C-alpha atoms as a PDB file:
ATOM      1  CA  MET A   1    -166.014 -79.753 -35.987  1.00  0.00           C
ATOM      2  CA  PRO A   2    -165.061 -77.086 -32.755  1.00  0.00           C
ATOM      3  CA  ARG A   3    -165.328 -73.396 -33.570  1.00  0.00           C
ATOM      4  CA  ILE A   4    -162.173 -71.768 -31.785  1.00  0.00           C
ATOM      5  CA  LYS A   5    -160.590 -68.213 -31.157  1.00  0.00           C
ATOM      6  CA  LEU A   6    -156.986 -67.633 -32.363  1.00  0.00           C
ATOM      7  CA  ALA A   7    -154.673 -66.160 -29.380  1.00  0.00           C
ATOM      8  CA  ASN A   8    -151.697 -65.585 -31.917  1.00  0.00           C
ATOM      9  CA  TRP A   9    -151.320 -65.333 -35.849  1.00  0.00           C
ATOM     10  CA  TYR A  10    -151.777 -67.985 -37.097  1.00  0.00           C
ATOM     11  CA  GLY A  11    -150.802 -67.696 -41.113  1.00  0.00           C
ATOM     12  CA  ASP A  12    -152.492 -65.027 -42.462  1.00  0.00           C
ATOM     13  CA  LYS A  13    -155.194 -65.416 -39.960  1.00  0.00           C
ATOM     14  CA  ALA A  14    -155.117 -62.495 -36.654  1.00  0.00           C
ATOM     15  CA  PRO A  15    -155.590 -63.025 -33.348  1.00  0.00           C
ATOM     16  CA  GLY A  16    -159.318 -63.052 -32.463  1.00  0.00           C
ATOM     17  CA  GLU A  17    -160.425 -64.830 -35.557  1.00  0.00           C
ATOM     18  CA  GLU A  18    -162.473 -67.760 -35.715  1.00  0.00           C
ATOM     19  CA  LEU A  19    -161.744 -70.673 -37.284  1.00  0.00           C
ATOM     20  CA  ASP A  20    -163.173 -73.978 -37.487  1.00  0.00           C
ATOM     21  CA  VAL A  21    -160.934 -76.846 -36.788  1.00  0.00           C
ATOM     22  CA  ASP A  22    -160.692 -80.506 -36.145  1.00  0.00           C
ATOM     23  CA  ASP A  23    -160.126 -82.415 -33.243  1.00  0.00           C
ATOM     24  CA  THR A  24    -156.332 -83.635 -33.929  1.00  0.00           C
ATOM     25  CA  ARG A  25    -155.728 -79.335 -34.972  1.00  0.00           C
ATOM     26  CA  LEU A  26    -157.427 -78.353 -31.595  1.00  0.00           C
ATOM     27  CA  LYS A  27    -155.164 -80.436 -29.790  1.00  0.00           C
ATOM     28  CA  ALA A  28    -152.118 -79.022 -31.799  1.00  0.00           C
ATOM     29  CA  MET A  29    -152.966 -76.151 -31.520  1.00  0.00           C
ATOM     30  CA  HIS A  30    -153.942 -75.840 -27.971  1.00  0.00           C
ATOM     31  CA  ARG A  31    -150.957 -77.351 -27.227  1.00  0.00           C
ATOM     32  CA  ASP A  32    -149.133 -74.539 -28.644  1.00  0.00           C
ATOM     33  CA  GLY A  33    -151.055 -72.146 -26.837  1.00  0.00           C
ATOM     34  CA  MET A  34    -152.116 -70.516 -30.352  1.00  0.00           C
ATOM     35  CA  VAL A  35    -156.279 -71.159 -28.838  1.00  0.00           C
ATOM     36  CA  ALA A  36    -157.567 -68.082 -26.707  1.00  0.00           C
ATOM     37  CA  GLU A  37    -161.566 -69.678 -26.664  1.00  0.00           C
ATOM     38  CA  VAL A  38    -163.445 -72.771 -27.676  1.00  0.00           C
ATOM     39  CA  ILE A  39    -166.146 -71.063 -29.170  1.00  0.00           C
ATOM     40  CA  GLY A  40    -167.981 -74.063 -29.991  1.00  0.00           C
ATOM     41  CA  GLN A  41    -167.318 -77.499 -29.420  1.00  0.00           C
ATOM     42  CA  GLU A  42    -168.970 -81.388 -30.096  1.00  0.00           C
ATOM     43  CA  GLN A  43    -168.786 -83.462 -26.685  1.00  0.00           C
ATOM     44  CA  GLY A  44    -166.001 -85.945 -26.265  1.00  0.00           C
ATOM     45  CA  THR A  45    -162.811 -84.325 -27.196  1.00  0.00           C
ATOM     46  CA  GLY A  46    -161.510 -83.238 -23.667  1.00  0.00           C
ATOM     47  CA  LEU A  47    -159.808 -80.613 -23.924  1.00  0.00           C
ATOM     48  CA  GLN A  48    -160.663 -78.063 -20.827  1.00  0.00           C
ATOM     49  CA  PRO A  49    -159.638 -74.772 -20.165  1.00  0.00           C
ATOM     50  CA  ALA A  50    -155.936 -74.157 -18.249  1.00  0.00           C
ATOM     51  CA  PRO A  51    -156.594 -73.763 -14.663  1.00  0.00           C
ATOM     52  CA  PRO A  52    -155.759 -70.224 -13.566  1.00  0.00           C
ATOM     53  CA  ALA A  53    -152.399 -69.388 -11.204  1.00  0.00           C
ATOM     54  CA  ALA A  54    -152.636 -70.890  -7.685  1.00  0.00           C
ATOM     55  CA  VAL A  55    -152.091 -67.399  -5.903  1.00  0.00           C
ATOM     56  CA  ASN A  56    -151.212 -68.031  -1.616  1.00  0.00           C
ATOM     57  CA  ALA A  57    -152.271 -65.668   1.161  1.00  0.00           C
ATOM     58  CA  GLU A  58    -150.745 -62.588  -0.169  1.00  0.00           C
ATOM     59  CA  SER A  59    -152.079 -62.233  -3.577  1.00  0.00           C
ATOM     60  CA  GLU A  60    -148.887 -63.140  -5.304  1.00  0.00           C
ATOM     61  CA  PRO A  61    -148.226 -66.114  -7.930  1.00  0.00           C
ATOM     62  CA  GLU A  62    -146.335 -69.207  -6.016  1.00  0.00           C
ATOM     63  CA  GLN A  63    -143.257 -69.855  -7.576  1.00  0.00           C
ATOM     64  CA  ALA A  64    -140.710 -72.778  -8.147  1.00  0.00           C
ATOM     65  CA  GLU A  65    -137.738 -73.034  -6.233  1.00  0.00           C
ATOM     66  CA  PRO A  66    -134.827 -73.030  -8.734  1.00  0.00           C
ATOM     67  CA  ALA A  67    -133.407 -75.665  -9.829  1.00  0.00           C
ATOM     68  CA  PRO A  68    -129.601 -76.788  -8.741  1.00  0.00           C
ATOM     69  CA  GLN A  69    -126.427 -75.494 -10.664  1.00  0.00           C
ATOM     70  CA  ALA A  70    -125.057 -78.442 -12.487  1.00  0.00           C
ATOM     71  CA  GLY A  71    -121.653 -79.034 -13.256  1.00  0.00           C
ATOM     72  CA  ARG A  72    -118.524 -77.704 -11.128  1.00  0.00           C
ATOM     73  CA  LYS A  73    -117.669 -75.254  -9.452  1.00  0.00           C
ATOM     74  CA  ARG A  74    -114.871 -73.017 -10.202  1.00  0.00           C
ATOM     75  CA  ARG A  75    -112.688 -72.832  -6.995  1.00  0.00           C
END
């Protein structure tokens, strides 16, 4: 069973506390952003830490272009 460190409150558990969870709960908590760090993990679960945000030459984070507005324009 993997052991994780919490990033946010989980029930009565404060951020930074460590929990033993099963693989299914680990995937769900990782998806929801509740996992700060996986401390101990069995081989083969396949979860990797999130890659850092890409930065350009000026050391500013890349930003996506704004999406075009949908709908009719008022005249």
